[in-house]
N, C-alpha and C. Protein backbone atom coordinates (compact mmCIF):
# COMPACT_ATOMS: atom_id res chain seq x y z
N MET A 1 24.79 -14.30 -40.80
CA MET A 1 23.51 -14.85 -39.74
C MET A 1 23.61 -13.66 -38.65
N LYS A 2 22.39 -13.25 -38.54
CA LYS A 2 22.09 -12.18 -37.45
C LYS A 2 21.42 -12.83 -36.37
N ILE A 3 21.95 -12.20 -35.12
CA ILE A 3 21.61 -12.67 -33.84
C ILE A 3 20.89 -11.81 -32.94
N LYS A 4 19.79 -11.77 -32.49
CA LYS A 4 19.46 -10.83 -31.43
C LYS A 4 19.38 -11.27 -30.19
N ARG A 5 19.86 -10.44 -29.25
CA ARG A 5 19.98 -10.66 -27.81
C ARG A 5 19.28 -9.52 -27.09
N THR A 6 18.99 -9.79 -25.74
CA THR A 6 18.47 -8.98 -24.98
C THR A 6 19.57 -8.81 -24.06
N ILE A 7 20.03 -7.65 -23.71
CA ILE A 7 20.82 -7.43 -22.69
C ILE A 7 20.27 -6.72 -21.44
N TYR A 8 20.22 -7.20 -20.31
CA TYR A 8 19.52 -6.66 -19.14
C TYR A 8 20.45 -5.94 -18.18
N HIS A 9 20.00 -5.10 -17.63
CA HIS A 9 20.81 -4.31 -16.56
C HIS A 9 19.76 -3.68 -15.67
N LYS A 10 20.00 -3.34 -14.55
CA LYS A 10 19.07 -2.89 -13.40
C LYS A 10 19.26 -1.24 -13.51
N GLU A 11 17.96 -0.81 -13.45
CA GLU A 11 17.88 0.69 -13.26
C GLU A 11 17.03 0.66 -11.91
N GLY A 12 17.81 1.08 -11.00
CA GLY A 12 17.13 1.22 -9.68
C GLY A 12 16.62 -0.28 -9.47
N TYR A 13 15.55 -0.51 -8.99
CA TYR A 13 14.91 -1.87 -8.68
C TYR A 13 14.39 -2.66 -9.78
N LYS A 14 14.35 -2.04 -11.01
CA LYS A 14 13.84 -2.59 -12.18
C LYS A 14 14.92 -3.12 -12.96
N LYS A 15 14.55 -4.52 -13.56
CA LYS A 15 15.67 -5.15 -14.67
C LYS A 15 14.84 -4.45 -16.06
N VAL A 16 15.78 -3.84 -16.96
CA VAL A 16 15.50 -3.34 -17.99
C VAL A 16 16.33 -4.00 -19.09
N GLY A 17 15.60 -4.27 -20.20
CA GLY A 17 16.38 -5.19 -21.25
C GLY A 17 16.42 -4.26 -22.55
N GLN A 18 17.39 -4.36 -23.06
CA GLN A 18 17.74 -3.49 -24.57
C GLN A 18 18.13 -4.67 -25.45
N GLU A 19 17.39 -4.62 -26.49
CA GLU A 19 17.59 -5.71 -27.79
C GLU A 19 18.77 -5.14 -28.45
N VAL A 20 19.97 -6.20 -28.83
CA VAL A 20 20.90 -5.82 -29.62
C VAL A 20 20.88 -6.83 -30.68
N GLU A 21 21.24 -6.29 -31.81
CA GLU A 21 21.36 -7.35 -32.85
C GLU A 21 22.73 -7.16 -33.53
N PHE A 22 23.43 -8.37 -33.67
CA PHE A 22 24.69 -8.55 -34.24
C PHE A 22 24.94 -9.48 -35.25
N GLU A 23 25.86 -9.35 -36.32
CA GLU A 23 26.07 -10.45 -37.37
C GLU A 23 27.23 -11.13 -37.01
N LEU A 24 27.19 -12.47 -37.22
CA LEU A 24 28.50 -13.28 -37.06
C LEU A 24 29.06 -13.23 -38.51
N THR A 25 30.41 -13.11 -38.02
CA THR A 25 31.38 -13.19 -39.18
C THR A 25 31.46 -14.89 -39.85
N PRO A 26 31.87 -14.99 -41.15
CA PRO A 26 31.64 -16.44 -41.48
C PRO A 26 32.68 -17.39 -40.67
N GLU A 27 33.77 -16.74 -40.04
CA GLU A 27 34.67 -17.51 -39.16
C GLU A 27 33.96 -17.77 -37.83
N GLU A 28 33.29 -16.90 -37.35
CA GLU A 28 32.42 -17.11 -36.13
C GLU A 28 31.56 -18.16 -36.44
N MET A 29 30.58 -18.20 -37.44
CA MET A 29 29.55 -19.06 -37.88
C MET A 29 30.31 -20.42 -37.85
N ARG A 30 31.49 -20.66 -38.48
CA ARG A 30 32.17 -22.07 -38.56
C ARG A 30 32.52 -22.55 -37.06
N GLN A 31 33.16 -21.45 -36.27
CA GLN A 31 33.54 -21.92 -35.07
C GLN A 31 32.33 -22.32 -34.18
N ALA A 32 31.16 -21.71 -34.31
CA ALA A 32 29.88 -22.19 -33.71
C ALA A 32 29.48 -23.54 -34.07
N PHE A 33 29.55 -23.61 -35.45
CA PHE A 33 29.06 -24.94 -36.12
C PHE A 33 30.34 -26.12 -35.43
N ASP A 34 31.45 -25.85 -35.63
CA ASP A 34 32.27 -26.92 -34.99
C ASP A 34 32.14 -27.11 -33.53
N GLU A 35 32.01 -26.15 -32.96
CA GLU A 35 31.76 -26.36 -31.41
C GLU A 35 30.57 -27.30 -31.10
N GLN A 36 29.53 -27.04 -31.71
CA GLN A 36 28.33 -27.70 -31.57
C GLN A 36 28.36 -29.17 -32.08
N GLU A 37 29.01 -29.41 -33.32
CA GLU A 37 29.56 -30.66 -33.89
C GLU A 37 30.12 -31.42 -32.71
N LEU A 38 31.09 -31.01 -32.11
CA LEU A 38 31.76 -31.61 -31.12
C LEU A 38 31.05 -31.92 -29.95
N ASN A 39 30.05 -31.05 -29.70
CA ASN A 39 29.24 -31.46 -28.31
C ASN A 39 28.33 -32.91 -28.82
N TYR A 40 27.92 -32.80 -30.12
CA TYR A 40 27.13 -33.83 -30.49
C TYR A 40 28.05 -35.28 -30.57
N ASP A 41 29.24 -34.94 -31.06
CA ASP A 41 30.02 -36.14 -30.95
C ASP A 41 30.63 -36.83 -29.43
N ARG A 42 30.49 -35.73 -28.91
CA ARG A 42 30.89 -35.98 -27.27
C ARG A 42 29.62 -36.97 -26.86
N GLU A 43 28.58 -36.40 -27.10
CA GLU A 43 27.31 -37.17 -26.58
C GLU A 43 27.04 -38.62 -27.15
N ASP A 44 27.51 -38.75 -28.59
CA ASP A 44 27.64 -40.03 -29.30
C ASP A 44 28.41 -40.97 -28.39
N VAL A 45 29.83 -40.57 -28.09
CA VAL A 45 30.75 -41.45 -27.34
C VAL A 45 30.23 -41.70 -25.88
N GLU A 46 29.54 -40.78 -25.24
CA GLU A 46 28.95 -41.03 -23.95
C GLU A 46 27.82 -41.97 -24.31
N ASP A 47 27.16 -42.11 -25.09
CA ASP A 47 26.12 -43.03 -25.58
C ASP A 47 26.82 -44.38 -25.70
N LEU A 48 27.90 -44.41 -26.53
CA LEU A 48 28.83 -45.78 -26.48
C LEU A 48 29.00 -46.19 -25.11
N PHE A 49 29.41 -45.29 -24.30
CA PHE A 49 29.99 -45.92 -22.92
C PHE A 49 28.93 -46.49 -22.17
N ALA A 50 27.74 -45.92 -22.46
CA ALA A 50 26.47 -46.06 -21.41
C ALA A 50 25.91 -47.58 -21.91
N LEU A 51 26.38 -48.05 -22.87
CA LEU A 51 25.89 -49.27 -23.66
C LEU A 51 26.51 -50.60 -22.70
N PHE A 52 27.41 -50.18 -21.99
CA PHE A 52 28.31 -51.22 -21.24
C PHE A 52 28.10 -51.28 -19.87
N LYS A 53 27.98 -52.35 -19.08
CA LYS A 53 28.11 -52.27 -17.70
C LYS A 53 29.53 -51.94 -17.48
N ASP A 54 29.99 -51.28 -16.24
CA ASP A 54 31.44 -50.89 -15.81
C ASP A 54 32.46 -52.01 -16.13
N GLU A 55 31.89 -53.39 -15.69
CA GLU A 55 32.99 -54.54 -15.94
C GLU A 55 33.11 -54.93 -17.42
N GLU A 56 31.99 -54.88 -18.06
CA GLU A 56 32.08 -55.07 -19.45
C GLU A 56 32.87 -54.12 -20.19
N PHE A 57 32.82 -52.99 -19.96
CA PHE A 57 33.54 -51.78 -20.48
C PHE A 57 35.03 -52.11 -20.41
N SER A 58 35.46 -52.52 -19.00
CA SER A 58 36.78 -52.47 -18.71
C SER A 58 37.36 -54.15 -19.53
N GLU A 59 36.68 -55.00 -19.71
CA GLU A 59 36.95 -55.92 -20.40
C GLU A 59 37.10 -55.79 -21.88
N ILE A 60 36.30 -55.05 -22.51
CA ILE A 60 36.49 -54.82 -23.91
C ILE A 60 37.64 -53.51 -24.23
N TYR A 61 37.69 -52.68 -23.48
CA TYR A 61 38.54 -51.60 -23.83
C TYR A 61 39.93 -51.46 -22.72
N GLY A 62 39.97 -52.40 -21.84
CA GLY A 62 41.10 -52.11 -20.98
C GLY A 62 41.48 -51.22 -19.87
N ILE A 63 40.37 -50.26 -19.98
CA ILE A 63 40.50 -49.47 -18.75
C ILE A 63 38.88 -49.35 -18.24
N ASP A 64 38.81 -48.62 -17.17
CA ASP A 64 37.51 -48.31 -16.57
C ASP A 64 36.86 -47.05 -17.26
N LYS A 65 35.69 -46.82 -17.22
CA LYS A 65 34.99 -45.95 -17.72
C LYS A 65 35.44 -44.49 -17.30
N GLU A 66 35.85 -44.42 -16.04
CA GLU A 66 36.09 -43.06 -15.21
C GLU A 66 37.40 -42.71 -16.05
N GLU A 67 38.36 -43.64 -16.43
CA GLU A 67 39.41 -43.04 -17.08
C GLU A 67 39.29 -42.67 -18.54
N ALA A 68 38.33 -43.54 -19.25
CA ALA A 68 38.01 -43.32 -20.45
C ALA A 68 37.22 -42.04 -20.53
N TYR A 69 36.39 -41.54 -19.73
CA TYR A 69 35.79 -40.34 -19.58
C TYR A 69 36.92 -38.96 -20.01
N GLN A 70 38.12 -39.15 -19.29
CA GLN A 70 39.32 -38.52 -19.49
C GLN A 70 39.60 -38.33 -21.06
N LEU A 71 39.32 -39.07 -21.95
CA LEU A 71 39.58 -39.10 -23.11
C LEU A 71 38.53 -38.75 -24.20
N LEU A 72 37.46 -38.40 -23.61
CA LEU A 72 36.36 -38.28 -24.45
C LEU A 72 36.44 -37.16 -25.52
N ASP A 73 36.98 -36.06 -25.30
CA ASP A 73 37.24 -35.22 -26.39
C ASP A 73 38.16 -35.80 -27.47
N LYS A 74 39.09 -36.41 -27.16
CA LYS A 74 39.96 -37.00 -28.11
C LYS A 74 39.26 -38.17 -28.95
N ILE A 75 38.32 -38.84 -28.40
CA ILE A 75 37.66 -39.75 -29.03
C ILE A 75 36.65 -39.18 -29.90
N ALA A 76 35.94 -38.28 -29.42
CA ALA A 76 34.87 -37.65 -30.13
C ALA A 76 35.69 -36.87 -31.62
N ILE A 77 36.80 -36.25 -31.40
CA ILE A 77 37.43 -35.68 -32.65
C ILE A 77 37.81 -37.05 -33.56
N GLU A 78 38.37 -38.11 -33.16
CA GLU A 78 38.92 -39.23 -33.70
C GLU A 78 37.58 -39.94 -34.58
N SER A 79 36.31 -39.81 -34.07
CA SER A 79 35.15 -40.42 -34.34
C SER A 79 34.67 -39.41 -35.57
N ARG A 80 34.69 -38.12 -35.59
CA ARG A 80 34.42 -37.11 -36.47
C ARG A 80 35.31 -37.38 -37.75
N LYS A 81 36.65 -37.50 -37.43
CA LYS A 81 37.82 -37.66 -38.51
C LYS A 81 37.10 -39.03 -39.21
N ASN A 82 37.03 -40.05 -38.50
CA ASN A 82 36.61 -41.45 -39.17
C ASN A 82 35.53 -41.01 -40.15
N ILE A 83 34.41 -40.24 -39.71
CA ILE A 83 33.30 -40.17 -40.71
C ILE A 83 33.74 -39.35 -41.61
N SER A 84 34.39 -38.18 -41.44
CA SER A 84 34.67 -37.32 -42.65
C SER A 84 35.51 -37.48 -43.65
N GLU A 85 36.83 -38.18 -43.00
CA GLU A 85 37.95 -38.65 -44.10
C GLU A 85 37.78 -39.96 -44.46
N TYR A 86 36.98 -40.92 -43.61
CA TYR A 86 37.06 -42.24 -44.26
C TYR A 86 35.72 -42.70 -44.54
N GLY A 87 34.60 -42.04 -44.31
CA GLY A 87 33.36 -42.26 -44.64
C GLY A 87 32.65 -43.38 -44.04
N MET A 88 33.12 -43.48 -42.70
CA MET A 88 32.46 -44.62 -41.87
C MET A 88 31.20 -44.31 -41.43
N HIS A 89 30.52 -45.32 -41.12
CA HIS A 89 28.99 -44.96 -40.51
C HIS A 89 29.35 -44.59 -39.12
N TRP A 90 28.48 -43.73 -38.56
CA TRP A 90 28.82 -43.00 -37.33
C TRP A 90 29.16 -44.04 -36.14
N ASP A 91 28.24 -45.12 -36.22
CA ASP A 91 28.43 -46.35 -35.01
C ASP A 91 29.93 -46.78 -35.14
N ASP A 92 30.38 -47.27 -36.37
CA ASP A 92 31.45 -47.88 -36.57
C ASP A 92 32.58 -46.71 -36.27
N ALA A 93 32.48 -45.55 -36.53
CA ALA A 93 33.42 -44.50 -36.50
C ALA A 93 33.59 -44.25 -35.06
N ARG A 94 32.62 -44.37 -34.09
CA ARG A 94 32.85 -44.03 -32.67
C ARG A 94 33.40 -45.09 -31.98
N GLN A 95 33.07 -46.54 -32.34
CA GLN A 95 33.71 -47.67 -31.88
C GLN A 95 35.10 -47.73 -32.23
N ASP A 96 35.34 -47.46 -33.40
CA ASP A 96 36.98 -47.41 -33.87
C ASP A 96 37.61 -46.53 -33.25
N ALA A 97 37.00 -45.18 -32.96
CA ALA A 97 37.74 -44.01 -32.28
C ALA A 97 38.14 -44.54 -30.78
N ALA A 98 37.10 -45.00 -30.17
CA ALA A 98 37.22 -45.40 -28.87
C ALA A 98 38.62 -46.37 -28.79
N ARG A 99 38.37 -47.56 -29.46
CA ARG A 99 39.51 -48.53 -29.44
C ARG A 99 40.93 -47.82 -29.70
N THR A 100 40.82 -46.95 -30.74
CA THR A 100 42.29 -46.33 -31.24
C THR A 100 42.87 -45.40 -30.05
N ILE A 101 41.94 -44.56 -29.62
CA ILE A 101 42.35 -43.65 -28.89
C ILE A 101 42.83 -44.30 -27.28
N ILE A 102 41.95 -45.05 -27.07
CA ILE A 102 42.22 -45.84 -25.69
C ILE A 102 43.33 -46.39 -25.83
N SER A 103 43.50 -47.45 -27.00
CA SER A 103 45.05 -48.24 -27.22
C SER A 103 46.03 -47.12 -27.12
N GLN A 104 45.91 -46.01 -27.69
CA GLN A 104 47.40 -44.94 -27.61
C GLN A 104 47.50 -44.69 -26.34
N HIS A 105 46.33 -44.46 -25.54
CA HIS A 105 46.49 -44.06 -24.13
C HIS A 105 47.35 -45.18 -23.33
N LEU A 106 46.91 -46.24 -23.54
CA LEU A 106 47.50 -47.38 -22.68
C LEU A 106 48.82 -47.57 -23.31
N GLN A 107 49.26 -47.59 -24.38
CA GLN A 107 50.57 -47.61 -24.89
C GLN A 107 51.50 -46.58 -24.17
N SER A 108 50.83 -45.33 -24.29
CA SER A 108 51.56 -44.22 -23.69
C SER A 108 51.74 -44.30 -22.15
N LYS A 109 50.93 -45.02 -21.38
CA LYS A 109 51.01 -45.32 -19.78
C LYS A 109 52.07 -46.33 -19.87
N GLU A 110 52.08 -47.38 -20.73
CA GLU A 110 53.25 -48.21 -20.65
C GLU A 110 54.64 -47.63 -20.67
N LYS A 111 54.73 -46.76 -21.55
CA LYS A 111 56.21 -46.18 -21.72
C LYS A 111 56.48 -45.49 -20.62
N LYS A 112 55.68 -45.01 -19.90
CA LYS A 112 55.92 -44.24 -18.60
C LYS A 112 56.80 -45.08 -17.35
């Protein structure tokens, strides 16, 4: 995959752009794909959190939303694992991931 970017610099008072083209390696393309996929998965988890009022969320998951947001990446990664490895529907995958990660979090807090 080739990418073109315009790199700007100043020459006196003028902003001058130079177009540069470079090609991503297969590894760089995979990293970009994985990063974007994680961003989408984070958004899905945030959408799940938004479905509930704060008090409803606390009743269902046992923690408040603010604390759950600290677990966002872990939940997103677990959600993707549920989809990829277990063939779960995305909605079921994210709900299961939220319950699993939050439960693990609560168990680790109890041990402290």
